[in-house]
Amino acid sequence: MTRRALTDAQWAIIEPFCLGKRSDPGQTGRDPRLFVEAVLWIVRTGAQWRELPDEFGKWNSVFKRFRRWVKADAFYRMFKILSTVADFEYAMIDGSIVKVHRSGQGANVWPAPSASGNF
């Protein structure tokens, strides 16, 4: 099993904001903590959804659930409540941690035309 990103204290704070609880109308979601851990794994590794380890479930099912939660602003509410009790001990982001995708680095996709107008 992959190392967990959420502590029990953090989970206790965000659990009420998860969708698909037994108290919610409609379908009950399976293991919301494992789902949140899967999303955190994607964020932490920068991997594509297709690379999600099998221990988190089928990647497409996890992705569809992620989209439902995004549309319902579930993550926004979680981040909002977590930001009120933020521990900024590790709040440091720089270029050695976060990498920009090639398409965001200003790379030219097409070769630049020469002075004669030919490629």
PDB file of N, CA and C in Angstrom:
ATOM      1  N   MET A   1       0.846  -1.191   0.000  1.00  0.00           N
ATOM      2  CA  MET A   1       0.000   0.000   0.000  1.00  0.00           C
ATOM      3  C   MET A   1       0.881   1.239   0.000  1.00  0.00           C
ATOM      4  N   THR A   2       0.494   2.214  -0.767  1.00  0.00           N
ATOM      5  CA  THR A   2       1.211   3.472  -0.843  1.00  0.00           C
ATOM      6  C   THR A   2       1.086   4.231   0.470  1.00  0.00           C
ATOM      7  N   ARG A   3       2.128   4.945   0.816  1.00  0.00           N
ATOM      8  CA  ARG A   3       2.093   5.740   2.040  1.00  0.00           C
ATOM      9  C   ARG A   3       0.976   6.767   1.955  1.00  0.00           C
ATOM     10  N   ARG A   4       0.283   6.927   3.047  1.00  0.00           N
ATOM     11  CA  ARG A   4      -0.844   7.865   3.100  1.00  0.00           C
ATOM     12  C   ARG A   4      -0.346   9.299   3.214  1.00  0.00           C
ATOM     13  N   ALA A   5      -1.060  10.204   2.595  1.00  0.00           N
ATOM     14  CA  ALA A   5      -0.711  11.621   2.647  1.00  0.00           C
ATOM     15  C   ALA A   5      -1.473  12.338   3.751  1.00  0.00           C
ATOM     16  N   LEU A   6      -2.681  11.864   4.051  1.00  0.00           N
ATOM     17  CA  LEU A   6      -3.519  12.518   5.054  1.00  0.00           C
ATOM     18  C   LEU A   6      -3.300  11.921   6.435  1.00  0.00           C
ATOM     19  N   THR A   7      -3.194  12.786   7.406  1.00  0.00           N
ATOM     20  CA  THR A   7      -3.158  12.314   8.788  1.00  0.00           C
ATOM     21  C   THR A   7      -4.600  12.093   9.250  1.00  0.00           C
ATOM     22  N   ASP A   8      -4.764  11.385  10.340  1.00  0.00           N
ATOM     23  CA  ASP A   8      -6.112  11.175  10.892  1.00  0.00           C
ATOM     24  C   ASP A   8      -6.758  12.495  11.288  1.00  0.00           C
ATOM     25  N   ALA A   9      -5.954  13.432  11.782  1.00  0.00           N
ATOM     26  CA  ALA A   9      -6.496  14.745  12.182  1.00  0.00           C
ATOM     27  C   ALA A   9      -6.998  15.514  10.963  1.00  0.00           C
ATOM     28  N   GLN A  10      -6.235  15.477   9.864  1.00  0.00           N
ATOM     29  CA  GLN A  10      -6.675  16.157   8.644  1.00  0.00           C
ATOM     30  C   GLN A  10      -7.938  15.504   8.089  1.00  0.00           C
ATOM     31  N   TRP A  11      -7.958  14.175   8.109  1.00  0.00           N
ATOM     32  CA  TRP A  11      -9.131  13.468   7.605  1.00  0.00           C
ATOM     33  C   TRP A  11     -10.374  13.811   8.420  1.00  0.00           C
ATOM     34  N   ALA A  12     -10.222  13.928   9.722  1.00  0.00           N
ATOM     35  CA  ALA A  12     -11.365  14.264  10.575  1.00  0.00           C
ATOM     36  C   ALA A  12     -11.941  15.632  10.208  1.00  0.00           C
ATOM     37  N   ILE A  13     -11.086  16.537   9.758  1.00  0.00           N
ATOM     38  CA  ILE A  13     -11.542  17.876   9.380  1.00  0.00           C
ATOM     39  C   ILE A  13     -12.287  17.857   8.052  1.00  0.00           C
ATOM     40  N   ILE A  14     -11.765  17.111   7.066  1.00  0.00           N
ATOM     41  CA  ILE A  14     -12.370  17.173   5.732  1.00  0.00           C
ATOM     42  C   ILE A  14     -13.453  16.128   5.486  1.00  0.00           C
ATOM     43  N   GLU A  15     -13.530  15.106   6.301  1.00  0.00           N
ATOM     44  CA  GLU A  15     -14.515  14.047   6.078  1.00  0.00           C
ATOM     45  C   GLU A  15     -15.952  14.559   5.943  1.00  0.00           C
ATOM     46  N   PRO A  16     -16.381  15.519   6.765  1.00  0.00           N
ATOM     47  CA  PRO A  16     -17.770  15.999   6.617  1.00  0.00           C
ATOM     48  C   PRO A  16     -18.061  16.662   5.266  1.00  0.00           C
ATOM     49  N   PHE A  17     -17.021  17.066   4.538  1.00  0.00           N
ATOM     50  CA  PHE A  17     -17.204  17.748   3.260  1.00  0.00           C
ATOM     51  C   PHE A  17     -17.174  16.790   2.075  1.00  0.00           C
ATOM     52  N   CYS A  18     -16.954  15.516   2.338  1.00  0.00           N
ATOM     53  CA  CYS A  18     -16.913  14.510   1.271  1.00  0.00           C
ATOM     54  C   CYS A  18     -18.324  14.217   0.759  1.00  0.00           C
ATOM     55  N   LEU A  19     -18.407  13.924  -0.513  1.00  0.00           N
ATOM     56  CA  LEU A  19     -19.683  13.569  -1.121  1.00  0.00           C
ATOM     57  C   LEU A  19     -19.894  12.064  -1.006  1.00  0.00           C
ATOM     58  N   GLY A  20     -21.134  11.642  -0.985  1.00  0.00           N
ATOM     59  CA  GLY A  20     -21.455  10.225  -0.975  1.00  0.00           C
ATOM     60  C   GLY A  20     -21.443   9.577   0.395  1.00  0.00           C
ATOM     61  N   LYS A  21     -21.604  10.388   1.451  1.00  0.00           N
ATOM     62  CA  LYS A  21     -21.693   9.820   2.802  1.00  0.00           C
ATOM     63  C   LYS A  21     -23.035   9.112   2.965  1.00  0.00           C
ATOM     64  N   ARG A  22     -23.135   8.267   3.937  1.00  0.00           N
ATOM     65  CA  ARG A  22     -24.392   7.553   4.183  1.00  0.00           C
ATOM     66  C   ARG A  22     -25.541   8.519   4.470  1.00  0.00           C
ATOM     67  N   SER A  23     -25.220   9.684   5.036  1.00  0.00           N
ATOM     68  CA  SER A  23     -26.256  10.668   5.348  1.00  0.00           C
ATOM     69  C   SER A  23     -26.689  11.473   4.119  1.00  0.00           C
ATOM     70  N   ASP A  24     -25.931  11.399   3.016  1.00  0.00           N
ATOM     71  CA  ASP A  24     -26.272  12.134   1.794  1.00  0.00           C
ATOM     72  C   ASP A  24     -27.322  11.377   0.993  1.00  0.00           C
ATOM     73  N   PRO A  25     -28.196  12.113   0.296  1.00  0.00           N
ATOM     74  CA  PRO A  25     -29.148  11.426  -0.579  1.00  0.00           C
ATOM     75  C   PRO A  25     -28.427  10.836  -1.787  1.00  0.00           C
ATOM     76  N   GLY A  26     -28.980   9.771  -2.336  1.00  0.00           N
ATOM     77  CA  GLY A  26     -28.383   9.168  -3.521  1.00  0.00           C
ATOM     78  C   GLY A  26     -27.403   8.061  -3.172  1.00  0.00           C
ATOM     79  N   GLN A  27     -26.516   7.785  -4.116  1.00  0.00           N
ATOM     80  CA  GLN A  27     -25.576   6.684  -3.974  1.00  0.00           C
ATOM     81  C   GLN A  27     -24.487   7.002  -2.954  1.00  0.00           C
ATOM     82  N   THR A  28     -24.116   6.005  -2.176  1.00  0.00           N
ATOM     83  CA  THR A  28     -23.044   6.143  -1.201  1.00  0.00           C
ATOM     84  C   THR A  28     -21.725   5.795  -1.881  1.00  0.00           C
ATOM     85  N   GLY A  29     -20.744   6.674  -1.750  1.00  0.00           N
ATOM     86  CA  GLY A  29     -19.437   6.425  -2.352  1.00  0.00           C
ATOM     87  C   GLY A  29     -18.635   5.426  -1.540  1.00  0.00           C
ATOM     88  N   ARG A  30     -17.801   4.654  -2.241  1.00  0.00           N
ATOM     89  CA  ARG A  30     -16.945   3.689  -1.568  1.00  0.00           C
ATOM     90  C   ARG A  30     -15.676   4.355  -1.078  1.00  0.00           C
ATOM     91  N   ASP A  31     -15.338   4.147   0.149  1.00  0.00           N
ATOM     92  CA  ASP A  31     -14.083   4.571   0.772  1.00  0.00           C
ATOM     93  C   ASP A  31     -13.616   5.955   0.326  1.00  0.00           C
ATOM     94  N   PRO A  32     -14.274   6.999   0.806  1.00  0.00           N
ATOM     95  CA  PRO A  32     -13.898   8.350   0.373  1.00  0.00           C
ATOM     96  C   PRO A  32     -12.463   8.728   0.749  1.00  0.00           C
ATOM     97  N   ARG A  33     -11.948   8.161   1.839  1.00  0.00           N
ATOM     98  CA  ARG A  33     -10.570   8.493   2.210  1.00  0.00           C
ATOM     99  C   ARG A  33      -9.590   7.955   1.173  1.00  0.00           C
ATOM    100  N   LEU A  34      -9.811   6.740   0.698  1.00  0.00           N
ATOM    101  CA  LEU A  34      -8.946   6.174  -0.334  1.00  0.00           C
ATOM    102  C   LEU A  34      -9.038   7.007  -1.611  1.00  0.00           C
ATOM    103  N   PHE A  35     -10.239   7.481  -1.931  1.00  0.00           N
ATOM    104  CA  PHE A  35     -10.410   8.329  -3.111  1.00  0.00           C
ATOM    105  C   PHE A  35      -9.623   9.631  -2.966  1.00  0.00           C
ATOM    106  N   VAL A  36      -9.726  10.284  -1.807  1.00  0.00           N
ATOM    107  CA  VAL A  36      -8.987  11.532  -1.590  1.00  0.00           C
ATOM    108  C   VAL A  36      -7.482  11.257  -1.645  1.00  0.00           C
ATOM    109  N   GLU A  37      -7.054  10.135  -1.100  1.00  0.00           N
ATOM    110  CA  GLU A  37      -5.639   9.753  -1.178  1.00  0.00           C
ATOM    111  C   GLU A  37      -5.211   9.571  -2.640  1.00  0.00           C
ATOM    112  N   ALA A  38      -6.086   9.003  -3.470  1.00  0.00           N
ATOM    113  CA  ALA A  38      -5.775   8.831  -4.894  1.00  0.00           C
ATOM    114  C   ALA A  38      -5.582  10.186  -5.569  1.00  0.00           C
ATOM    115  N   VAL A  39      -6.459  11.133  -5.272  1.00  0.00           N
ATOM    116  CA  VAL A  39      -6.339  12.478  -5.843  1.00  0.00           C
ATOM    117  C   VAL A  39      -5.046  13.126  -5.374  1.00  0.00           C
ATOM    118  N   LEU A  40      -4.729  12.972  -4.106  1.00  0.00           N
ATOM    119  CA  LEU A  40      -3.478  13.535  -3.586  1.00  0.00           C
ATOM    120  C   LEU A  40      -2.263  12.872  -4.220  1.00  0.00           C
ATOM    121  N   TRP A  41      -2.354  11.585  -4.545  1.00  0.00           N
ATOM    122  CA  TRP A  41      -1.258  10.887  -5.211  1.00  0.00           C
ATOM    123  C   TRP A  41      -1.020  11.496  -6.588  1.00  0.00           C
ATOM    124  N   ILE A  42      -2.115  11.753  -7.316  1.00  0.00           N
ATOM    125  CA  ILE A  42      -2.000  12.373  -8.645  1.00  0.00           C
ATOM    126  C   ILE A  42      -1.357  13.750  -8.523  1.00  0.00           C
ATOM    127  N   VAL A  43      -1.809  14.539  -7.571  1.00  0.00           N
ATOM    128  CA  VAL A  43      -1.272  15.892  -7.376  1.00  0.00           C
ATOM    129  C   VAL A  43       0.201  15.827  -6.981  1.00  0.00           C
ATOM    130  N   ARG A  44       0.511  14.931  -6.073  1.00  0.00           N
ATOM    131  CA  ARG A  44       1.877  14.819  -5.539  1.00  0.00           C
ATOM    132  C   ARG A  44       2.864  14.347  -6.606  1.00  0.00           C
ATOM    133  N   THR A  45       2.470  13.404  -7.447  1.00  0.00           N
ATOM    134  CA  THR A  45       3.387  12.824  -8.421  1.00  0.00           C
ATOM    135  C   THR A  45       3.377  13.544  -9.758  1.00  0.00           C
ATOM    136  N   GLY A  46       2.283  14.228 -10.068  1.00  0.00           N
ATOM    137  CA  GLY A  46       2.156  14.871 -11.368  1.00  0.00           C
ATOM    138  C   GLY A  46       1.883  13.870 -12.485  1.00  0.00           C
ATOM    139  N   ALA A  47       1.498  12.666 -12.122  1.00  0.00           N
ATOM    140  CA  ALA A  47       1.241  11.608 -13.101  1.00  0.00           C
ATOM    141  C   ALA A  47      -0.097  11.829 -13.788  1.00  0.00           C
ATOM    142  N   GLN A  48      -0.283  11.132 -14.895  1.00  0.00           N
ATOM    143  CA  GLN A  48      -1.570  11.148 -15.575  1.00  0.00           C
ATOM    144  C   GLN A  48      -2.503  10.190 -14.854  1.00  0.00           C
ATOM    145  N   TRP A  49      -3.795  10.393 -15.063  1.00  0.00           N
ATOM    146  CA  TRP A  49      -4.776   9.534 -14.397  1.00  0.00           C
ATOM    147  C   TRP A  49      -4.568   8.074 -14.756  1.00  0.00           C
ATOM    148  N   ARG A  50      -4.170   7.785 -15.974  1.00  0.00           N
ATOM    149  CA  ARG A  50      -3.971   6.399 -16.411  1.00  0.00           C
ATOM    150  C   ARG A  50      -2.856   5.702 -15.641  1.00  0.00           C
ATOM    151  N   GLU A  51      -1.991   6.471 -14.998  1.00  0.00           N
ATOM    152  CA  GLU A  51      -0.868   5.905 -14.249  1.00  0.00           C
ATOM    153  C   GLU A  51      -1.204   5.656 -12.776  1.00  0.00           C
ATOM    154  N   LEU A  52      -2.445   5.897 -12.400  1.00  0.00           N
ATOM    155  CA  LEU A  52      -2.868   5.696 -11.015  1.00  0.00           C
ATOM    156  C   LEU A  52      -2.689   4.229 -10.626  1.00  0.00           C
ATOM    157  N   PRO A  53      -1.992   3.953  -9.507  1.00  0.00           N
ATOM    158  CA  PRO A  53      -1.809   2.555  -9.090  1.00  0.00           C
ATOM    159  C   PRO A  53      -3.141   1.847  -8.864  1.00  0.00           C
ATOM    160  N   ASP A  54      -3.161   0.566  -9.152  1.00  0.00           N
ATOM    161  CA  ASP A  54      -4.383  -0.242  -9.037  1.00  0.00           C
ATOM    162  C   ASP A  54      -4.961  -0.246  -7.626  1.00  0.00           C
ATOM    163  N   GLU A  55      -4.123  -0.030  -6.620  1.00  0.00           N
ATOM    164  CA  GLU A  55      -4.616  -0.068  -5.240  1.00  0.00           C
ATOM    165  C   GLU A  55      -5.653   1.018  -4.955  1.00  0.00           C
ATOM    166  N   PHE A  56      -5.699   2.057  -5.811  1.00  0.00           N
ATOM    167  CA  PHE A  56      -6.679   3.125  -5.641  1.00  0.00           C
ATOM    168  C   PHE A  56      -7.971   2.848  -6.400  1.00  0.00           C
ATOM    169  N   GLY A  57      -7.996   1.807  -7.203  1.00  0.00           N
ATOM    170  CA  GLY A  57      -9.169   1.483  -8.000  1.00  0.00           C
ATOM    171  C   GLY A  57      -8.915   1.759  -9.465  1.00  0.00           C
ATOM    172  N   LYS A  58      -9.942   1.575 -10.269  1.00  0.00           N
ATOM    173  CA  LYS A  58      -9.826   1.823 -11.707  1.00  0.00           C
ATOM    174  C   LYS A  58      -9.651   3.319 -11.942  1.00  0.00           C
ATOM    175  N   TRP A  59      -8.633   3.659 -12.708  1.00  0.00           N
ATOM    176  CA  TRP A  59      -8.300   5.068 -12.882  1.00  0.00           C
ATOM    177  C   TRP A  59      -9.462   5.861 -13.463  1.00  0.00           C
ATOM    178  N   ASN A  60     -10.207   5.292 -14.396  1.00  0.00           N
ATOM    179  CA  ASN A  60     -11.298   6.024 -15.028  1.00  0.00           C
ATOM    180  C   ASN A  60     -12.429   6.289 -14.041  1.00  0.00           C
ATOM    181  N   SER A  61     -12.710   5.330 -13.174  1.00  0.00           N
ATOM    182  CA  SER A  61     -13.744   5.524 -12.151  1.00  0.00           C
ATOM    183  C   SER A  61     -13.323   6.607 -11.161  1.00  0.00           C
ATOM    184  N   VAL A  62     -12.044   6.586 -10.779  1.00  0.00           N
ATOM    185  CA  VAL A  62     -11.535   7.607  -9.855  1.00  0.00           C
ATOM    186  C   VAL A  62     -11.601   8.979 -10.513  1.00  0.00           C
ATOM    187  N   PHE A  63     -11.231   9.048 -11.802  1.00  0.00           N
ATOM    188  CA  PHE A  63     -11.281  10.324 -12.516  1.00  0.00           C
ATOM    189  C   PHE A  63     -12.705  10.851 -12.620  1.00  0.00           C
ATOM    190  N   LYS A  64     -13.662   9.988 -12.952  1.00  0.00           N
ATOM    191  CA  LYS A  64     -15.059  10.424 -13.046  1.00  0.00           C
ATOM    192  C   LYS A  64     -15.572  10.939 -11.708  1.00  0.00           C
ATOM    193  N   ARG A  65     -15.198  10.259 -10.638  1.00  0.00           N
ATOM    194  CA  ARG A  65     -15.595  10.711  -9.298  1.00  0.00           C
ATOM    195  C   ARG A  65     -14.951  12.061  -8.991  1.00  0.00           C
ATOM    196  N   PHE A  66     -13.689  12.215  -9.378  1.00  0.00           N
ATOM    197  CA  PHE A  66     -12.989  13.485  -9.189  1.00  0.00           C
ATOM    198  C   PHE A  66     -13.735  14.612  -9.895  1.00  0.00           C
ATOM    199  N   ARG A  67     -14.167  14.401 -11.137  1.00  0.00           N
ATOM    200  CA  ARG A  67     -14.897  15.425 -11.884  1.00  0.00           C
ATOM    201  C   ARG A  67     -16.214  15.785 -11.201  1.00  0.00           C
ATOM    202  N   ARG A  68     -16.917  14.782 -10.661  1.00  0.00           N
ATOM    203  CA  ARG A  68     -18.173  15.063  -9.943  1.00  0.00           C
ATOM    204  C   ARG A  68     -17.896  15.937  -8.727  1.00  0.00           C
ATOM    205  N   TRP A  69     -16.828  15.624  -7.998  1.00  0.00           N
ATOM    206  CA  TRP A  69     -16.499  16.408  -6.807  1.00  0.00           C
ATOM    207  C   TRP A  69     -16.090  17.831  -7.186  1.00  0.00           C
ATOM    208  N   VAL A  70     -15.367  17.989  -8.273  1.00  0.00           N
ATOM    209  CA  VAL A  70     -14.971  19.327  -8.729  1.00  0.00           C
ATOM    210  C   VAL A  70     -16.206  20.145  -9.076  1.00  0.00           C
ATOM    211  N   LYS A  71     -17.123  19.539  -9.833  1.00  0.00           N
ATOM    212  CA  LYS A  71     -18.345  20.251 -10.236  1.00  0.00           C
ATOM    213  C   LYS A  71     -19.206  20.621  -9.030  1.00  0.00           C
ATOM    214  N   ALA A  72     -19.134  19.841  -7.969  1.00  0.00           N
ATOM    215  CA  ALA A  72     -19.919  20.106  -6.758  1.00  0.00           C
ATOM    216  C   ALA A  72     -19.168  20.990  -5.762  1.00  0.00           C
ATOM    217  N   ASP A  73     -17.998  21.477  -6.136  1.00  0.00           N
ATOM    218  CA  ASP A  73     -17.157  22.340  -5.278  1.00  0.00           C
ATOM    219  C   ASP A  73     -16.745  21.677  -3.972  1.00  0.00           C
ATOM    220  N   ALA A  74     -16.675  20.356  -3.949  1.00  0.00           N
ATOM    221  CA  ALA A  74     -16.290  19.649  -2.723  1.00  0.00           C
ATOM    222  C   ALA A  74     -14.847  19.979  -2.331  1.00  0.00           C
ATOM    223  N   PHE A  75     -13.944  20.009  -3.310  1.00  0.00           N
ATOM    224  CA  PHE A  75     -12.542  20.299  -2.992  1.00  0.00           C
ATOM    225  C   PHE A  75     -12.369  21.745  -2.547  1.00  0.00           C
ATOM    226  N   TYR A  76     -13.121  22.639  -3.149  1.00  0.00           N
ATOM    227  CA  TYR A  76     -13.055  24.045  -2.738  1.00  0.00           C
ATOM    228  C   TYR A  76     -13.415  24.182  -1.257  1.00  0.00           C
ATOM    229  N   ARG A  77     -14.491  23.511  -0.847  1.00  0.00           N
ATOM    230  CA  ARG A  77     -14.912  23.588   0.557  1.00  0.00           C
ATOM    231  C   ARG A  77     -13.866  22.958   1.480  1.00  0.00           C
ATOM    232  N   MET A  78     -13.265  21.862   1.030  1.00  0.00           N
ATOM    233  CA  MET A  78     -12.211  21.224   1.834  1.00  0.00           C
ATOM    234  C   MET A  78     -11.011  22.151   1.991  1.00  0.00           C
ATOM    235  N   PHE A  79     -10.555  22.723   0.879  1.00  0.00           N
ATOM    236  CA  PHE A  79      -9.393  23.611   0.943  1.00  0.00           C
ATOM    237  C   PHE A  79      -9.684  24.843   1.779  1.00  0.00           C
ATOM    238  N   LYS A  80     -10.906  25.323   1.682  1.00  0.00           N
ATOM    239  CA  LYS A  80     -11.277  26.517   2.451  1.00  0.00           C
ATOM    240  C   LYS A  80     -11.205  26.236   3.952  1.00  0.00           C
ATOM    241  N   ILE A  81     -11.737  25.093   4.379  1.00  0.00           N
ATOM    242  CA  ILE A  81     -11.706  24.773   5.807  1.00  0.00           C
ATOM    243  C   ILE A  81     -10.289  24.434   6.253  1.00  0.00           C
ATOM    244  N   LEU A  82      -9.531  23.750   5.413  1.00  0.00           N
ATOM    245  CA  LEU A  82      -8.150  23.419   5.779  1.00  0.00           C
ATOM    246  C   LEU A  82      -7.262  24.657   5.843  1.00  0.00           C
ATOM    247  N   SER A  83      -7.572  25.670   5.035  1.00  0.00           N
ATOM    248  CA  SER A  83      -6.755  26.878   5.056  1.00  0.00           C
ATOM    249  C   SER A  83      -6.934  27.669   6.347  1.00  0.00           C
ATOM    250  N   THR A  84      -8.036  27.451   7.051  1.00  0.00           N
ATOM    251  CA  THR A  84      -8.234  28.158   8.315  1.00  0.00           C
ATOM    252  C   THR A  84      -7.369  27.573   9.424  1.00  0.00           C
ATOM    253  N   VAL A  85      -6.939  26.322   9.247  1.00  0.00           N
ATOM    254  CA  VAL A  85      -6.082  25.674  10.245  1.00  0.00           C
ATOM    255  C   VAL A  85      -4.750  25.292   9.607  1.00  0.00           C
ATOM    256  N   ALA A  86      -4.271  26.143   8.720  1.00  0.00           N
ATOM    257  CA  ALA A  86      -3.071  25.827   7.949  1.00  0.00           C
ATOM    258  C   ALA A  86      -1.821  25.787   8.822  1.00  0.00           C
ATOM    259  N   ASP A  87      -0.980  24.838   8.518  1.00  0.00           N
ATOM    260  CA  ASP A  87       0.334  24.730   9.132  1.00  0.00           C
ATOM    261  C   ASP A  87       1.325  25.006   8.013  1.00  0.00           C
ATOM    262  N   PHE A  88       1.938  26.173   8.038  1.00  0.00           N
ATOM    263  CA  PHE A  88       2.798  26.590   6.942  1.00  0.00           C
ATOM    264  C   PHE A  88       4.243  26.136   7.106  1.00  0.00           C
ATOM    265  N   GLU A  89       4.460  25.094   7.877  1.00  0.00           N
ATOM    266  CA  GLU A  89       5.813  24.592   8.083  1.00  0.00           C
ATOM    267  C   GLU A  89       6.458  24.177   6.755  1.00  0.00           C
ATOM    268  N   TYR A  90       5.663  23.617   5.847  1.00  0.00           N
ATOM    269  CA  TYR A  90       6.198  23.138   4.582  1.00  0.00           C
ATOM    270  C   TYR A  90       5.629  23.892   3.396  1.00  0.00           C
ATOM    271  N   ALA A  91       5.184  25.108   3.564  1.00  0.00           N
ATOM    272  CA  ALA A  91       4.598  25.888   2.471  1.00  0.00           C
ATOM    273  C   ALA A  91       5.705  26.594   1.702  1.00  0.00           C
ATOM    274  N   MET A  92       6.368  25.834   0.841  1.00  0.00           N
ATOM    275  CA  MET A  92       7.454  26.396   0.055  1.00  0.00           C
ATOM    276  C   MET A  92       7.382  25.758  -1.332  1.00  0.00           C
ATOM    277  N   ILE A  93       7.227  26.579  -2.337  1.00  0.00           N
ATOM    278  CA  ILE A  93       7.164  26.081  -3.699  1.00  0.00           C
ATOM    279  C   ILE A  93       8.158  26.876  -4.524  1.00  0.00           C
ATOM    280  N   ASP A  94       9.003  26.155  -5.245  1.00  0.00           N
ATOM    281  CA  ASP A  94       9.911  26.825  -6.166  1.00  0.00           C
ATOM    282  C   ASP A  94      10.091  25.954  -7.401  1.00  0.00           C
ATOM    283  N   GLY A  95      10.915  26.396  -8.315  1.00  0.00           N
ATOM    284  CA  GLY A  95      11.086  25.685  -9.575  1.00  0.00           C
ATOM    285  C   GLY A  95      11.714  24.315  -9.440  1.00  0.00           C
ATOM    286  N   SER A  96      12.365  24.040  -8.318  1.00  0.00           N
ATOM    287  CA  SER A  96      12.962  22.714  -8.160  1.00  0.00           C
ATOM    288  C   SER A  96      11.927  21.688  -7.723  1.00  0.00           C
ATOM    289  N   ILE A  97      10.756  22.147  -7.281  1.00  0.00           N
ATOM    290  CA  ILE A  97       9.701  21.242  -6.835  1.00  0.00           C
ATOM    291  C   ILE A  97       8.623  21.104  -7.892  1.00  0.00           C
ATOM    292  N   VAL A  98       8.165  22.231  -8.428  1.00  0.00           N
ATOM    293  CA  VAL A  98       7.074  22.225  -9.388  1.00  0.00           C
ATOM    294  C   VAL A  98       7.647  22.414 -10.782  1.00  0.00           C
ATOM    295  N   LYS A  99       7.416  21.465 -11.635  1.00  0.00           N
ATOM    296  CA  LYS A  99       7.928  21.530 -13.004  1.00  0.00           C
ATOM    297  C   LYS A  99       6.808  21.928 -13.958  1.00  0.00           C
ATOM    298  N   VAL A 100       7.149  22.764 -14.912  1.00  0.00           N
ATOM    299  CA  VAL A 100       6.195  23.204 -15.915  1.00  0.00           C
ATOM    300  C   VAL A 100       6.268  22.237 -17.091  1.00  0.00           C
ATOM    301  N   HIS A 101       5.116  21.899 -17.624  1.00  0.00           N
ATOM    302  CA  HIS A 101       5.068  21.037 -18.813  1.00  0.00           C
ATOM    303  C   HIS A 101       5.716  21.763 -19.981  1.00  0.00           C
ATOM    304  N   ARG A 102       6.307  21.007 -20.922  1.00  0.00           N
ATOM    305  CA  ARG A 102       6.991  21.612 -22.063  1.00  0.00           C
ATOM    306  C   ARG A 102       6.149  22.628 -22.793  1.00  0.00           C
ATOM    307  N   SER A 103       4.862  22.342 -22.925  1.00  0.00           N
ATOM    308  CA  SER A 103       4.012  23.257 -23.678  1.00  0.00           C
ATOM    309  C   SER A 103       3.831  24.584 -22.953  1.00  0.00           C
ATOM    310  N   GLY A 104       4.107  24.620 -21.655  1.00  0.00           N
ATOM    311  CA  GLY A 104       3.979  25.852 -20.893  1.00  0.00           C
ATOM    312  C   GLY A 104       5.282  26.608 -20.733  1.00  0.00           C
ATOM    313  N   GLN A 105       6.351  26.113 -21.357  1.00  0.00           N
ATOM    314  CA  GLN A 105       7.656  26.745 -21.217  1.00  0.00           C
ATOM    315  C   GLN A 105       7.976  27.710 -22.344  1.00  0.00           C
ATOM    316  N   GLY A 106       7.029  27.926 -23.240  1.00  0.00           N
ATOM    317  CA  GLY A 106       7.261  28.845 -24.350  1.00  0.00           C
ATOM    318  C   GLY A 106       8.009  28.192 -25.498  1.00  0.00           C
ATOM    319  N   ALA A 107       8.067  26.871 -25.526  1.00  0.00           N
ATOM    320  CA  ALA A 107       8.758  26.174 -26.609  1.00  0.00           C
ATOM    321  C   ALA A 107       7.995  26.372 -27.912  1.00  0.00           C
ATOM    322  N   ASN A 108       8.742  26.561 -28.976  1.00  0.00           N
ATOM    323  CA  ASN A 108       8.122  26.705 -30.287  1.00  0.00           C
ATOM    324  C   ASN A 108       7.732  25.338 -30.801  1.00  0.00           C
ATOM    325  N   VAL A 109       6.500  25.219 -31.208  1.00  0.00           N
ATOM    326  CA  VAL A 109       6.025  23.955 -31.747  1.00  0.00           C
ATOM    327  C   VAL A 109       6.405  23.850 -33.215  1.00  0.00           C
ATOM    328  N   TRP A 110       6.265  24.943 -33.944  1.00  0.00           N
ATOM    329  CA  TRP A 110       6.592  24.981 -35.374  1.00  0.00           C
ATOM    330  C   TRP A 110       7.941  25.646 -35.540  1.00  0.00           C
ATOM    331  N   PRO A 111       8.719  25.215 -36.539  1.00  0.00           N
ATOM    332  CA  PRO A 111       9.994  25.889 -36.759  1.00  0.00           C
ATOM    333  C   PRO A 111       9.763  27.325 -37.209  1.00  0.00           C
ATOM    334  N   ALA A 112      10.613  28.216 -36.765  1.00  0.00           N
ATOM    335  CA  ALA A 112      10.492  29.619 -37.142  1.00  0.00           C
ATOM    336  C   ALA A 112      10.853  29.781 -38.627  1.00  0.00           C
ATOM    337  N   PRO A 113      10.142  30.646 -39.355  1.00  0.00           N
ATOM    338  CA  PRO A 113      10.464  30.843 -40.777  1.00  0.00           C
ATOM    339  C   PRO A 113      11.819  31.536 -40.921  1.00  0.00           C
ATOM    340  N   SER A 114      12.533  31.174 -41.966  1.00  0.00           N
ATOM    341  CA  SER A 114      13.823  31.817 -42.211  1.00  0.00           C
ATOM    342  C   SER A 114      13.582  33.178 -42.856  1.00  0.00           C
ATOM    343  N   ALA A 115      14.650  33.916 -43.073  1.00  0.00           N
ATOM    344  CA  ALA A 115      14.529  35.237 -43.640  1.00  0.00           C
ATOM    345  C   ALA A 115      13.916  35.188 -45.044  1.00  0.00           C
ATOM    346  N   SER A 116      14.110  34.070 -45.765  1.00  0.00           N
ATOM    347  CA  SER A 116      13.546  33.954 -47.106  1.00  0.00           C
ATOM    348  C   SER A 116      12.076  33.566 -47.094  1.00  0.00           C
ATOM    349  N   GLY A 117      11.554  33.254 -45.902  1.00  0.00           N
ATOM    350  CA  GLY A 117      10.150  32.873 -45.803  1.00  0.00           C
ATOM    351  C   GLY A 117       9.941  31.377 -45.871  1.00  0.00           C
ATOM    352  N   ASN A 118      11.016  30.607 -46.100  1.00  0.00           N
ATOM    353  CA  ASN A 118      10.925  29.146 -46.160  1.00  0.00           C
ATOM    354  C   ASN A 118      11.191  28.553 -44.788  1.00  0.00           C
ATOM    355  N   PHE A 119      10.665  27.368 -44.562  1.00  0.00           N
ATOM    356  CA  PHE A 119      10.883  26.689 -43.294  1.00  0.00           C
ATOM    357  C   PHE A 119      12.153  25.879 -43.341  1.00  0.00           C
TER     358      PHE A 119
END
